[in-house]
PDB file of N, CA and C in Angstrom:
ATOM      1  N   MET A   1       1.922 -23.675   1.819  1.00  0.00           N
ATOM      2  CA  MET A   1       3.423 -22.517   2.657  1.00  0.00           C
ATOM      3  C   MET A   1       2.793 -22.933   4.075  1.00  0.00           C
ATOM      4  N   ASP A   2       3.836 -22.837   4.867  1.00  0.00           N
ATOM      5  CA  ASP A   2       3.437 -23.044   6.213  1.00  0.00           C
ATOM      6  C   ASP A   2       3.445 -21.715   7.046  1.00  0.00           C
ATOM      7  N   LYS A   3       3.127 -21.875   8.006  1.00  0.00           N
ATOM      8  CA  LYS A   3       2.999 -20.037   8.876  1.00  0.00           C
ATOM      9  C   LYS A   3       4.653 -19.683   9.076  1.00  0.00           C
ATOM     10  N   THR A   4       5.607 -20.342   8.975  1.00  0.00           N
ATOM     11  CA  THR A   4       6.572 -19.723   9.332  1.00  0.00           C
ATOM     12  C   THR A   4       6.848 -18.889   8.085  1.00  0.00           C
ATOM     13  N   GLU A   5       6.699 -19.282   6.784  1.00  0.00           N
ATOM     14  CA  GLU A   5       6.881 -19.064   5.258  1.00  0.00           C
ATOM     15  C   GLU A   5       6.075 -17.481   5.489  1.00  0.00           C
ATOM     16  N   ASN A   6       4.707 -17.376   6.035  1.00  0.00           N
ATOM     17  CA  ASN A   6       3.739 -16.265   5.428  1.00  0.00           C
ATOM     18  C   ASN A   6       4.587 -15.119   6.227  1.00  0.00           C
ATOM     19  N   LYS A   7       4.957 -15.274   7.489  1.00  0.00           N
ATOM     20  CA  LYS A   7       5.416 -13.858   7.860  1.00  0.00           C
ATOM     21  C   LYS A   7       6.575 -13.293   7.245  1.00  0.00           C
ATOM     22  N   ASP A   8       7.243 -14.004   6.339  1.00  0.00           N
ATOM     23  CA  ASP A   8       8.328 -13.390   5.606  1.00  0.00           C
ATOM     24  C   ASP A   8       8.261 -12.549   4.176  1.00  0.00           C
ATOM     25  N   ILE A   9       6.741 -12.571   4.503  1.00  0.00           N
ATOM     26  CA  ILE A   9       6.382 -12.315   2.638  1.00  0.00           C
ATOM     27  C   ILE A   9       7.198 -10.637   2.130  1.00  0.00           C
ATOM     28  N   VAL A  10       6.988  -9.617   2.981  1.00  0.00           N
ATOM     29  CA  VAL A  10       7.236  -8.546   2.723  1.00  0.00           C
ATOM     30  C   VAL A  10       8.504  -7.941   3.921  1.00  0.00           C
ATOM     31  N   SER A  11       9.128  -7.163   3.372  1.00  0.00           N
ATOM     32  CA  SER A  11      10.274  -6.461   4.162  1.00  0.00           C
ATOM     33  C   SER A  11      10.410  -5.234   3.805  1.00  0.00           C
ATOM     34  N   ASN A  12      10.822  -4.304   4.346  1.00  0.00           N
ATOM     35  CA  ASN A  12      11.320  -2.855   3.985  1.00  0.00           C
ATOM     36  C   ASN A  12      12.449  -2.776   3.608  1.00  0.00           C
ATOM     37  N   GLU A  13      12.499  -2.169   2.433  1.00  0.00           N
ATOM     38  CA  GLU A  13      13.901  -1.969   1.781  1.00  0.00           C
ATOM     39  C   GLU A  13      14.772  -1.233   2.274  1.00  0.00           C
ATOM     40  N   VAL A  14      15.974  -1.595   2.234  1.00  0.00           N
ATOM     41  CA  VAL A  14      17.392  -0.950   2.765  1.00  0.00           C
ATOM     42  C   VAL A  14      17.996  -0.111   1.617  1.00  0.00           C
ATOM     43  N   THR A  15      17.841   1.104   2.276  1.00  0.00           N
ATOM     44  CA  THR A  15      19.099   1.795   1.151  1.00  0.00           C
ATOM     45  C   THR A  15      20.347   1.801   1.540  1.00  0.00           C
ATOM     46  N   ASP A  16      20.979   2.461   0.246  1.00  0.00           N
ATOM     47  CA  ASP A  16      22.482   2.468   0.051  1.00  0.00           C
ATOM     48  C   ASP A  16      23.143   2.603   1.498  1.00  0.00           C
ATOM     49  N   SER A  17      22.387   3.562   2.569  1.00  0.00           N
ATOM     50  CA  SER A  17      23.132   4.180   3.538  1.00  0.00           C
ATOM     51  C   SER A  17      22.725   3.040   4.718  1.00  0.00           C
ATOM     52  N   GLY A  18      22.092   1.954   4.319  1.00  0.00           N
ATOM     53  CA  GLY A  18      21.881   1.024   5.142  1.00  0.00           C
ATOM     54  C   GLY A  18      20.347   1.358   6.097  1.00  0.00           C
ATOM     55  N   GLU A  19      20.013   2.298   5.749  1.00  0.00           N
ATOM     56  CA  GLU A  19      18.572   2.773   6.278  1.00  0.00           C
ATOM     57  C   GLU A  19      17.322   2.047   6.199  1.00  0.00           C
ATOM     58  N   GLU A  20      16.288   1.653   6.397  1.00  0.00           N
ATOM     59  CA  GLU A  20      15.270   1.185   5.966  1.00  0.00           C
ATOM     60  C   GLU A  20      14.141   1.958   5.359  1.00  0.00           C
ATOM     61  N   ASN A  21      13.679   2.012   4.275  1.00  0.00           N
ATOM     62  CA  ASN A  21      12.740   2.815   3.860  1.00  0.00           C
ATOM     63  C   ASN A  21      11.529   2.562   4.104  1.00  0.00           C
ATOM     64  N   ASP A  22      10.531   2.900   5.256  1.00  0.00           N
ATOM     65  CA  ASP A  22       9.536   2.440   5.273  1.00  0.00           C
ATOM     66  C   ASP A  22       8.318   2.569   4.081  1.00  0.00           C
ATOM     67  N   LEU A  23       8.625   3.364   3.509  1.00  0.00           N
ATOM     68  CA  LEU A  23       7.874   3.413   2.033  1.00  0.00           C
ATOM     69  C   LEU A  23       7.907   2.869   0.814  1.00  0.00           C
ATOM     70  N   VAL A  24       8.788   1.714   0.964  1.00  0.00           N
ATOM     71  CA  VAL A  24       8.984   1.030   0.007  1.00  0.00           C
ATOM     72  C   VAL A  24       9.027  -0.490   0.651  1.00  0.00           C
ATOM     73  N   ILE A  25       8.207  -1.360   0.180  1.00  0.00           N
ATOM     74  CA  ILE A  25       7.387  -2.505   0.670  1.00  0.00           C
ATOM     75  C   ILE A  25       8.636  -3.498  -0.267  1.00  0.00           C
ATOM     76  N   LYS A  26       9.214  -4.225   0.182  1.00  0.00           N
ATOM     77  CA  LYS A  26      10.050  -5.351  -0.762  1.00  0.00           C
ATOM     78  C   LYS A  26       9.224  -6.752  -0.647  1.00  0.00           C
ATOM     79  N   LEU A  27       9.085  -6.995  -1.997  1.00  0.00           N
ATOM     80  CA  LEU A  27       8.257  -8.437  -1.740  1.00  0.00           C
ATOM     81  C   LEU A  27       8.947  -9.469  -1.777  1.00  0.00           C
ATOM     82  N   LYS A  28       9.221 -10.695  -1.029  1.00  0.00           N
ATOM     83  CA  LYS A  28       9.733 -11.523  -0.975  1.00  0.00           C
ATOM     84  C   LYS A  28       9.567 -12.452  -2.441  1.00  0.00           C
ATOM     85  N   THR A  29       8.417 -12.676  -2.739  1.00  0.00           N
ATOM     86  CA  THR A  29       7.584 -13.022  -3.944  1.00  0.00           C
ATOM     87  C   THR A  29       7.045 -12.131  -4.986  1.00  0.00           C
ATOM     88  N   PRO A  30       8.156 -12.090  -5.894  1.00  0.00           N
ATOM     89  CA  PRO A  30       7.226 -10.864  -7.210  1.00  0.00           C
ATOM     90  C   PRO A  30       5.877 -11.578  -7.615  1.00  0.00           C
ATOM     91  N   ILE A  31       5.130 -10.169  -7.904  1.00  0.00           N
ATOM     92  CA  ILE A  31       4.111 -10.030  -8.189  1.00  0.00           C
ATOM     93  C   ILE A  31       4.191 -10.028  -9.962  1.00  0.00           C
ATOM     94  N   ASP A  32       3.540 -10.848 -10.349  1.00  0.00           N
ATOM     95  CA  ASP A  32       3.180 -10.913 -12.028  1.00  0.00           C
ATOM     96  C   ASP A  32       1.996 -10.078 -12.225  1.00  0.00           C
ATOM     97  N   PHE A  33       2.304  -8.819 -12.932  1.00  0.00           N
ATOM     98  CA  PHE A  33       0.623  -8.150 -13.126  1.00  0.00           C
ATOM     99  C   PHE A  33       1.203  -7.381 -14.597  1.00  0.00           C
ATOM    100  N   GLU A  34       0.241  -7.617 -15.344  1.00  0.00           N
ATOM    101  CA  GLU A  34       0.084  -7.163 -16.705  1.00  0.00           C
ATOM    102  C   GLU A  34       1.378  -7.523 -17.642  1.00  0.00           C
ATOM    103  N   GLY A  35       2.196  -8.755 -17.424  1.00  0.00           N
ATOM    104  CA  GLY A  35       3.227  -9.006 -17.897  1.00  0.00           C
ATOM    105  C   GLY A  35       4.573  -8.380 -17.256  1.00  0.00           C
ATOM    106  N   GLU A  36       4.534  -8.081 -16.435  1.00  0.00           N
ATOM    107  CA  GLU A  36       5.858  -6.937 -15.753  1.00  0.00           C
ATOM    108  C   GLU A  36       5.658  -7.910 -14.322  1.00  0.00           C
ATOM    109  N   LYS A  37       7.078  -7.987 -13.696  1.00  0.00           N
ATOM    110  CA  LYS A  37       7.183  -8.653 -12.636  1.00  0.00           C
ATOM    111  C   LYS A  37       7.434  -7.492 -11.323  1.00  0.00           C
ATOM    112  N   HIS A  38       7.039  -7.193 -10.542  1.00  0.00           N
ATOM    113  CA  HIS A  38       7.182  -6.357  -9.437  1.00  0.00           C
ATOM    114  C   HIS A  38       7.619  -6.876  -8.363  1.00  0.00           C
ATOM    115  N   GLU A  39       9.073  -6.204  -7.757  1.00  0.00           N
ATOM    116  CA  GLU A  39       9.607  -7.380  -6.564  1.00  0.00           C
ATOM    117  C   GLU A  39       9.229  -6.020  -5.680  1.00  0.00           C
ATOM    118  N   LYS A  40       8.981  -4.893  -5.735  1.00  0.00           N
ATOM    119  CA  LYS A  40       8.627  -3.831  -4.384  1.00  0.00           C
ATOM    120  C   LYS A  40       7.388  -3.099  -4.899  1.00  0.00           C
ATOM    121  N   ILE A  41       7.085  -2.486  -3.914  1.00  0.00           N
ATOM    122  CA  ILE A  41       6.063  -1.470  -4.167  1.00  0.00           C
ATOM    123  C   ILE A  41       6.635  -0.089  -3.350  1.00  0.00           C
ATOM    124  N   ASP A  42       6.507   0.813  -4.154  1.00  0.00           N
ATOM    125  CA  ASP A  42       7.152   2.216  -3.714  1.00  0.00           C
ATOM    126  C   ASP A  42       5.807   3.138  -3.144  1.00  0.00           C
ATOM    127  N   LEU A  43       5.554   3.232  -2.188  1.00  0.00           N
ATOM    128  CA  LEU A  43       4.793   4.256  -1.610  1.00  0.00           C
ATOM    129  C   LEU A  43       5.443   5.706  -1.357  1.00  0.00           C
ATOM    130  N   SER A  44       6.634   6.037  -1.611  1.00  0.00           N
ATOM    131  CA  SER A  44       7.016   7.260  -1.760  1.00  0.00           C
ATOM    132  C   SER A  44       6.336   8.528  -1.795  1.00  0.00           C
ATOM    133  N   GLY A  45       5.148   8.326  -3.033  1.00  0.00           N
ATOM    134  CA  GLY A  45       4.341   9.325  -3.468  1.00  0.00           C
ATOM    135  C   GLY A  45       3.134   9.468  -2.468  1.00  0.00           C
ATOM    136  N   LEU A  46       3.594   9.108  -1.299  1.00  0.00           N
ATOM    137  CA  LEU A  46       2.327   9.415  -0.091  1.00  0.00           C
ATOM    138  C   LEU A  46       2.737  10.498   0.119  1.00  0.00           C
ATOM    139  N   GLU A  47       4.043  11.010   0.177  1.00  0.00           N
ATOM    140  CA  GLU A  47       4.433  12.133   0.332  1.00  0.00           C
ATOM    141  C   GLU A  47       3.925  13.726  -0.150  1.00  0.00           C
ATOM    142  N   ASN A  48       3.345  13.173  -1.430  1.00  0.00           N
ATOM    143  CA  ASN A  48       2.792  14.197  -2.641  1.00  0.00           C
ATOM    144  C   ASN A  48       1.479  14.170  -2.163  1.00  0.00           C
ATOM    145  N   VAL A  49       0.840  13.366  -1.715  1.00  0.00           N
ATOM    146  CA  VAL A  49      -0.605  13.381  -1.510  1.00  0.00           C
ATOM    147  C   VAL A  49      -1.043  14.599  -0.775  1.00  0.00           C
ATOM    148  N   LYS A  50      -2.555  15.336  -0.975  1.00  0.00           N
ATOM    149  CA  LYS A  50      -2.483  16.242  -0.606  1.00  0.00           C
ATOM    150  C   LYS A  50      -4.305  16.078  -0.538  1.00  0.00           C
ATOM    151  N   ALA A  51      -4.843  16.923   0.433  1.00  0.00           N
ATOM    152  CA  ALA A  51      -6.037  16.776   1.059  1.00  0.00           C
ATOM    153  C   ALA A  51      -6.911  16.647   0.094  1.00  0.00           C
ATOM    154  N   SER A  52      -6.971  17.353  -1.053  1.00  0.00           N
ATOM    155  CA  SER A  52      -8.200  17.029  -2.296  1.00  0.00           C
ATOM    156  C   SER A  52      -8.113  15.208  -2.913  1.00  0.00           C
ATOM    157  N   ASP A  53      -6.462  14.936  -2.755  1.00  0.00           N
ATOM    158  CA  ASP A  53      -6.412  13.668  -3.174  1.00  0.00           C
ATOM    159  C   ASP A  53      -7.596  12.675  -2.190  1.00  0.00           C
ATOM    160  N   MET A  54      -7.315  13.230  -0.993  1.00  0.00           N
ATOM    161  CA  MET A  54      -7.930  12.230  -0.132  1.00  0.00           C
ATOM    162  C   MET A  54      -9.130  12.216   0.060  1.00  0.00           C
ATOM    163  N   VAL A  55      -9.955  13.363  -0.548  1.00  0.00           N
ATOM    164  CA  VAL A  55     -11.384  13.708  -0.536  1.00  0.00           C
ATOM    165  C   VAL A  55     -11.868  13.034  -1.537  1.00  0.00           C
ATOM    166  N   ALA A  56     -11.023  13.031  -2.721  1.00  0.00           N
ATOM    167  CA  ALA A  56     -11.487  12.325  -4.369  1.00  0.00           C
ATOM    168  C   ALA A  56     -11.431  10.870  -3.756  1.00  0.00           C
ATOM    169  N   ILE A  57     -10.772  10.146  -3.082  1.00  0.00           N
ATOM    170  CA  ILE A  57     -10.738   8.873  -2.788  1.00  0.00           C
ATOM    171  C   ILE A  57     -11.567   8.376  -1.952  1.00  0.00           C
ATOM    172  N   ASN A  58     -12.111   9.506  -0.777  1.00  0.00           N
ATOM    173  CA  ASN A  58     -13.022   9.131   0.175  1.00  0.00           C
ATOM    174  C   ASN A  58     -14.798   9.101  -0.939  1.00  0.00           C
ATOM    175  N   ARG A  59     -14.544  10.167  -1.828  1.00  0.00           N
ATOM    176  CA  ARG A  59     -15.870   9.875  -2.474  1.00  0.00           C
ATOM    177  C   ARG A  59     -15.539   9.053  -3.629  1.00  0.00           C
ATOM    178  N   ARG A  60     -15.202   8.616  -4.036  1.00  0.00           N
ATOM    179  CA  ARG A  60     -14.905   7.173  -4.866  1.00  0.00           C
ATOM    180  C   ARG A  60     -15.069   5.987  -4.122  1.00  0.00           C
ATOM    181  N   LEU A  61     -14.742   5.585  -2.905  1.00  0.00           N
ATOM    182  CA  LEU A  61     -15.015   4.810  -1.971  1.00  0.00           C
ATOM    183  C   LEU A  61     -16.897   4.683  -1.755  1.00  0.00           C
ATOM    184  N   SER A  62     -17.378   5.891  -1.365  1.00  0.00           N
ATOM    185  CA  SER A  62     -18.353   6.502  -0.834  1.00  0.00           C
ATOM    186  C   SER A  62     -19.574   6.070  -1.957  1.00  0.00           C
ATOM    187  N   ARG A  63     -18.955   6.143  -3.238  1.00  0.00           N
ATOM    188  CA  ARG A  63     -19.807   6.035  -4.134  1.00  0.00           C
ATOM    189  C   ARG A  63     -19.892   4.252  -4.524  1.00  0.00           C
ATOM    190  N   ASN A  64     -18.725   3.420  -4.281  1.00  0.00           N
ATOM    191  CA  ASN A  64     -18.778   2.343  -4.647  1.00  0.00           C
ATOM    192  C   ASN A  64     -19.233   1.380  -3.294  1.00  0.00           C
ATOM    193  N   GLY A  65     -20.079   2.240  -2.362  1.00  0.00           N
ATOM    194  CA  GLY A  65     -20.390   1.758  -1.256  1.00  0.00           C
ATOM    195  C   GLY A  65     -19.539   1.737   0.338  1.00  0.00           C
ATOM    196  N   ASN A  66     -18.683   2.066  -0.024  1.00  0.00           N
ATOM    197  CA  ASN A  66     -17.873   2.147   1.451  1.00  0.00           C
ATOM    198  C   ASN A  66     -18.266   3.200   2.294  1.00  0.00           C
ATOM    199  N   VAL A  67     -18.798   3.193   3.165  1.00  0.00           N
ATOM    200  CA  VAL A  67     -19.698   3.986   3.941  1.00  0.00           C
ATOM    201  C   VAL A  67     -19.073   4.049   5.333  1.00  0.00           C
ATOM    202  N   ASN A  68     -17.865   3.682   5.561  1.00  0.00           N
ATOM    203  CA  ASN A  68     -17.643   3.484   6.781  1.00  0.00           C
ATOM    204  C   ASN A  68     -17.069   4.590   7.195  1.00  0.00           C
ATOM    205  N   VAL A  69     -17.469   4.955   8.597  1.00  0.00           N
ATOM    206  CA  VAL A  69     -17.177   6.578   9.146  1.00  0.00           C
ATOM    207  C   VAL A  69     -15.556   6.435   9.353  1.00  0.00           C
ATOM    208  N   ASN A  70     -14.608   5.647   9.275  1.00  0.00           N
ATOM    209  CA  ASN A  70     -13.186   6.145   9.619  1.00  0.00           C
ATOM    210  C   ASN A  70     -12.969   5.240   8.080  1.00  0.00           C
ATOM    211  N   GLN A  71     -13.137   5.836   6.736  1.00  0.00           N
ATOM    212  CA  GLN A  71     -12.911   5.142   5.908  1.00  0.00           C
ATOM    213  C   GLN A  71     -11.129   5.200   5.760  1.00  0.00           C
ATOM    214  N   GLU A  72     -10.481   5.934   6.334  1.00  0.00           N
ATOM    215  CA  GLU A  72      -8.942   5.836   5.857  1.00  0.00           C
ATOM    216  C   GLU A  72      -8.132   4.576   6.825  1.00  0.00           C
ATOM    217  N   LEU A  73      -9.101   4.087   7.593  1.00  0.00           N
ATOM    218  CA  LEU A  73      -8.560   2.766   8.423  1.00  0.00           C
ATOM    219  C   LEU A  73      -8.969   1.537   7.927  1.00  0.00           C
ATOM    220  N   THR A  74      -9.342   1.874   6.571  1.00  0.00           N
ATOM    221  CA  THR A  74     -10.244   0.414   5.781  1.00  0.00           C
ATOM    222  C   THR A  74      -9.113  -0.316   5.052  1.00  0.00           C
ATOM    223  N   LEU A  75      -8.873  -1.466   4.773  1.00  0.00           N
ATOM    224  CA  LEU A  75      -7.894  -1.773   3.385  1.00  0.00           C
ATOM    225  C   LEU A  75      -8.634  -1.022   2.574  1.00  0.00           C
ATOM    226  N   GLU A  76      -9.479  -0.985   1.829  1.00  0.00           N
ATOM    227  CA  GLU A  76      -9.686  -0.803   0.534  1.00  0.00           C
ATOM    228  C   GLU A  76      -9.118   0.909   0.486  1.00  0.00           C
ATOM    229  N   TYR A  77      -9.680   1.336   1.758  1.00  0.00           N
ATOM    230  CA  TYR A  77      -8.692   3.315   1.310  1.00  0.00           C
ATOM    231  C   TYR A  77      -7.354   3.032   1.267  1.00  0.00           C
ATOM    232  N   ALA A  78      -6.808   2.268   1.973  1.00  0.00           N
ATOM    233  CA  ALA A  78      -5.622   2.069   1.915  1.00  0.00           C
ATOM    234  C   ALA A  78      -4.719   1.678   0.330  1.00  0.00           C
ATOM    235  N   LEU A  79      -5.519   0.865  -0.005  1.00  0.00           N
ATOM    236  CA  LEU A  79      -5.363   0.287  -1.301  1.00  0.00           C
ATOM    237  C   LEU A  79      -5.373   1.034  -2.549  1.00  0.00           C
ATOM    238  N   HIS A  80      -6.357   1.895  -2.522  1.00  0.00           N
ATOM    239  CA  HIS A  80      -6.631   3.024  -2.997  1.00  0.00           C
ATOM    240  C   HIS A  80      -5.601   4.522  -2.875  1.00  0.00           C
ATOM    241  N   MET A  81      -5.151   4.517  -2.065  1.00  0.00           N
ATOM    242  CA  MET A  81      -4.214   5.621  -1.768  1.00  0.00           C
ATOM    243  C   MET A  81      -2.630   5.036  -2.068  1.00  0.00           C
ATOM    244  N   ALA A  82      -2.337   3.742  -1.929  1.00  0.00           N
ATOM    245  CA  ALA A  82      -1.299   3.035  -2.463  1.00  0.00           C
ATOM    246  C   ALA A  82      -1.032   2.942  -3.872  1.00  0.00           C
ATOM    247  N   SER A  83      -2.376   2.864  -4.596  1.00  0.00           N
ATOM    248  CA  SER A  83      -2.394   3.278  -5.970  1.00  0.00           C
ATOM    249  C   SER A  83      -2.120   4.670  -6.538  1.00  0.00           C
ATOM    250  N   TYR A  84      -2.790   5.359  -6.369  1.00  0.00           N
ATOM    251  CA  TYR A  84      -2.275   7.178  -6.139  1.00  0.00           C
ATOM    252  C   TYR A  84      -1.139   7.194  -5.955  1.00  0.00           C
ATOM    253  N   ALA A  85      -0.403   6.801  -4.842  1.00  0.00           N
ATOM    254  CA  ALA A  85       1.233   7.253  -4.562  1.00  0.00           C
ATOM    255  C   ALA A  85       2.272   6.271  -5.457  1.00  0.00           C
ATOM    256  N   SER A  86       1.665   5.363  -5.970  1.00  0.00           N
ATOM    257  CA  SER A  86       2.662   4.396  -6.548  1.00  0.00           C
ATOM    258  C   SER A  86       2.801   4.581  -7.874  1.00  0.00           C
ATOM    259  N   ASN A  87       1.274   5.519  -8.252  1.00  0.00           N
ATOM    260  CA  ASN A  87       1.096   5.098 -10.026  1.00  0.00           C
ATOM    261  C   ASN A  87       1.069   3.977 -10.687  1.00  0.00           C
ATOM    262  N   LEU A  88       0.267   2.849  -9.758  1.00  0.00           N
ATOM    263  CA  LEU A  88      -0.084   1.685 -10.179  1.00  0.00           C
ATOM    264  C   LEU A  88      -1.144   1.173 -10.356  1.00  0.00           C
ATOM    265  N   PRO A  89      -1.929   0.688 -11.023  1.00  0.00           N
ATOM    266  CA  PRO A  89      -3.715   0.603 -10.881  1.00  0.00           C
ATOM    267  C   PRO A  89      -4.205   0.134  -9.694  1.00  0.00           C
ATOM    268  N   VAL A  90      -5.512   0.258  -9.253  1.00  0.00           N
ATOM    269  CA  VAL A  90      -5.912  -0.275  -8.119  1.00  0.00           C
ATOM    270  C   VAL A  90      -6.010  -1.932  -8.272  1.00  0.00           C
ATOM    271  N   GLU A  91      -6.221  -2.168  -9.490  1.00  0.00           N
ATOM    272  CA  GLU A  91      -6.155  -3.906 -10.092  1.00  0.00           C
ATOM    273  C   GLU A  91      -4.872  -4.504  -9.228  1.00  0.00           C
ATOM    274  N   PHE A  92      -3.659  -3.904  -9.534  1.00  0.00           N
ATOM    275  CA  PHE A  92      -2.655  -4.159  -9.096  1.00  0.00           C
ATOM    276  C   PHE A  92      -2.736  -4.365  -7.526  1.00  0.00           C
ATOM    277  N   PHE A  93      -3.303  -3.898  -6.878  1.00  0.00           N
ATOM    278  CA  PHE A  93      -3.054  -3.857  -5.339  1.00  0.00           C
ATOM    279  C   PHE A  93      -4.293  -5.072  -5.067  1.00  0.00           C
ATOM    280  N   ASP A  94      -5.544  -5.195  -5.508  1.00  0.00           N
ATOM    281  CA  ASP A  94      -6.699  -6.365  -5.299  1.00  0.00           C
ATOM    282  C   ASP A  94      -6.116  -7.704  -5.286  1.00  0.00           C
ATOM    283  N   GLN A  95      -5.068  -7.759  -6.244  1.00  0.00           N
ATOM    284  CA  GLN A  95      -4.644  -9.272  -6.372  1.00  0.00           C
ATOM    285  C   GLN A  95      -3.151  -9.695  -5.375  1.00  0.00           C
ATOM    286  N   LEU A  96      -3.275  -8.367  -4.569  1.00  0.00           N
ATOM    287  CA  LEU A  96      -1.632  -9.105  -3.522  1.00  0.00           C
ATOM    288  C   LEU A  96      -2.094  -9.947  -2.625  1.00  0.00           C
ATOM    289  N   PRO A  97      -1.114 -11.087  -1.927  1.00  0.00           N
ATOM    290  CA  PRO A  97      -1.712 -11.856  -1.154  1.00  0.00           C
ATOM    291  C   PRO A  97      -1.949 -11.069  -0.161  1.00  0.00           C
ATOM    292  N   PRO A  98      -2.690 -11.861   1.094  1.00  0.00           N
ATOM    293  CA  PRO A  98      -3.500 -10.873   2.306  1.00  0.00           C
ATOM    294  C   PRO A  98      -1.890 -10.189   2.768  1.00  0.00           C
ATOM    295  N   TYR A  99      -0.985 -10.979   3.182  1.00  0.00           N
ATOM    296  CA  TYR A  99       0.468 -10.424   3.786  1.00  0.00           C
ATOM    297  C   TYR A  99       0.728  -8.819   3.554  1.00  0.00           C
ATOM    298  N   ALA A 100       0.890  -9.166   1.854  1.00  0.00           N
ATOM    299  CA  ALA A 100       1.140  -8.084   1.449  1.00  0.00           C
ATOM    300  C   ALA A 100       0.580  -6.869   1.317  1.00  0.00           C
ATOM    301  N   ALA A 101      -0.849  -7.226   1.373  1.00  0.00           N
ATOM    302  CA  ALA A 101      -2.004  -6.117   1.294  1.00  0.00           C
ATOM    303  C   ALA A 101      -1.774  -5.335   2.563  1.00  0.00           C
ATOM    304  N   LEU A 102      -1.872  -6.249   3.563  1.00  0.00           N
ATOM    305  CA  LEU A 102      -2.005  -5.789   5.265  1.00  0.00           C
ATOM    306  C   LEU A 102      -0.695  -5.011   5.260  1.00  0.00           C
ATOM    307  N   ALA A 103       0.499  -5.458   4.876  1.00  0.00           N
ATOM    308  CA  ALA A 103       1.459  -4.649   4.909  1.00  0.00           C
ATOM    309  C   ALA A 103       1.895  -3.232   4.377  1.00  0.00           C
ATOM    310  N   VAL A 104       0.635  -3.075   2.968  1.00  0.00           N
ATOM    311  CA  VAL A 104       0.327  -1.758   2.494  1.00  0.00           C
ATOM    312  C   VAL A 104      -0.756  -0.981   3.274  1.00  0.00           C
ATOM    313  N   LYS A 105      -1.819  -1.719   3.658  1.00  0.00           N
ATOM    314  CA  LYS A 105      -2.432  -1.003   4.953  1.00  0.00           C
ATOM    315  C   LYS A 105      -1.828  -0.450   5.773  1.00  0.00           C
ATOM    316  N   SER A 106      -1.032  -1.108   6.793  1.00  0.00           N
ATOM    317  CA  SER A 106      -0.199  -1.051   7.644  1.00  0.00           C
ATOM    318  C   SER A 106       0.912   0.286   7.319  1.00  0.00           C
ATOM    319  N   ARG A 107       1.657   0.508   6.275  1.00  0.00           N
ATOM    320  CA  ARG A 107       2.258   1.557   5.958  1.00  0.00           C
ATOM    321  C   ARG A 107       1.481   2.832   5.549  1.00  0.00           C
ATOM    322  N   VAL A 108       0.470   2.671   4.890  1.00  0.00           N
ATOM    323  CA  VAL A 108      -0.315   4.051   4.607  1.00  0.00           C
ATOM    324  C   VAL A 108      -0.973   4.575   5.787  1.00  0.00           C
ATOM    325  N   THR A 109      -1.630   3.845   6.787  1.00  0.00           N
ATOM    326  CA  THR A 109      -2.042   4.198   7.759  1.00  0.00           C
ATOM    327  C   THR A 109      -1.153   4.871   8.779  1.00  0.00           C
ATOM    328  N   ASN A 110       0.102   4.109   8.789  1.00  0.00           N
ATOM    329  CA  ASN A 110       1.368   4.820   9.836  1.00  0.00           C
ATOM    330  C   ASN A 110       1.083   6.168   9.200  1.00  0.00           C
ATOM    331  N   PHE A 111       1.815   6.231   7.666  1.00  0.00           N
ATOM    332  CA  PHE A 111       2.127   7.464   7.379  1.00  0.00           C
ATOM    333  C   PHE A 111       1.016   8.561   7.550  1.00  0.00           C
ATOM    334  N   LEU A 112      -0.226   8.234   7.610  1.00  0.00           N
ATOM    335  CA  LEU A 112      -1.290   9.021   7.802  1.00  0.00           C
ATOM    336  C   LEU A 112      -1.165   9.432   9.277  1.00  0.00           C
ATOM    337  N   TYR A 113      -0.981   8.764  10.212  1.00  0.00           N
ATOM    338  CA  TYR A 113      -1.460   8.975  11.545  1.00  0.00           C
ATOM    339  C   TYR A 113       0.066   9.160  12.276  1.00  0.00           C
ATOM    340  N   GLY A 114       1.288   9.173  11.370  1.00  0.00           N
ATOM    341  CA  GLY A 114       2.523   9.613  11.955  1.00  0.00           C
ATOM    342  C   GLY A 114       2.785  10.728  12.683  1.00  0.00           C
ATOM    343  N   TRP A 115       3.551  11.159  13.375  1.00  0.00           N
ATOM    344  CA  TRP A 115       3.744  12.673  13.792  1.00  0.00           C
ATOM    345  C   TRP A 115       5.134  12.741  13.094  1.00  0.00           C
ATOM    346  N   GLU A 116       5.929  13.814  12.614  1.00  0.00           N
ATOM    347  CA  GLU A 116       7.120  14.209  12.620  1.00  0.00           C
ATOM    348  C   GLU A 116       7.718  15.226  13.496  1.00  0.00           C
TER     349      GLU A 116
END
C-alpha cells in the first residue's frame, strides 16, 4: 500500500441530513473480528461515560503497568474508552491498523477535551 492509500483508511460517517458524525468512524477497509465484518466504529456511547467509568479504566491500566501521568492522552486509554463506548472488546481495537487506531484516539481525545 502506498502512502496515498494510507491517509484514506478512515472517514467520518455522514448522516442522512448530510452532517458529519465525528463519533462514528467509517472504515475504508472492513475489519473482520470473530467472524463479523465491521465497516464502522460507533463511539456515540462516549456521551454516556461517567467519571466513575473513567476512574475504572485508569485503575485497570495502572494495574497493567500504564502509569503515565496523563493516561487519557495515551493510545491505550483511548482504545479502552472506545471499547467501553462501543460495547466491542478491547481486543477488537488492539488489531486495528495504525491509522484507524489513531483515528479512534483522536476522536476520544477530542471528545474528552472538547467544549460545547
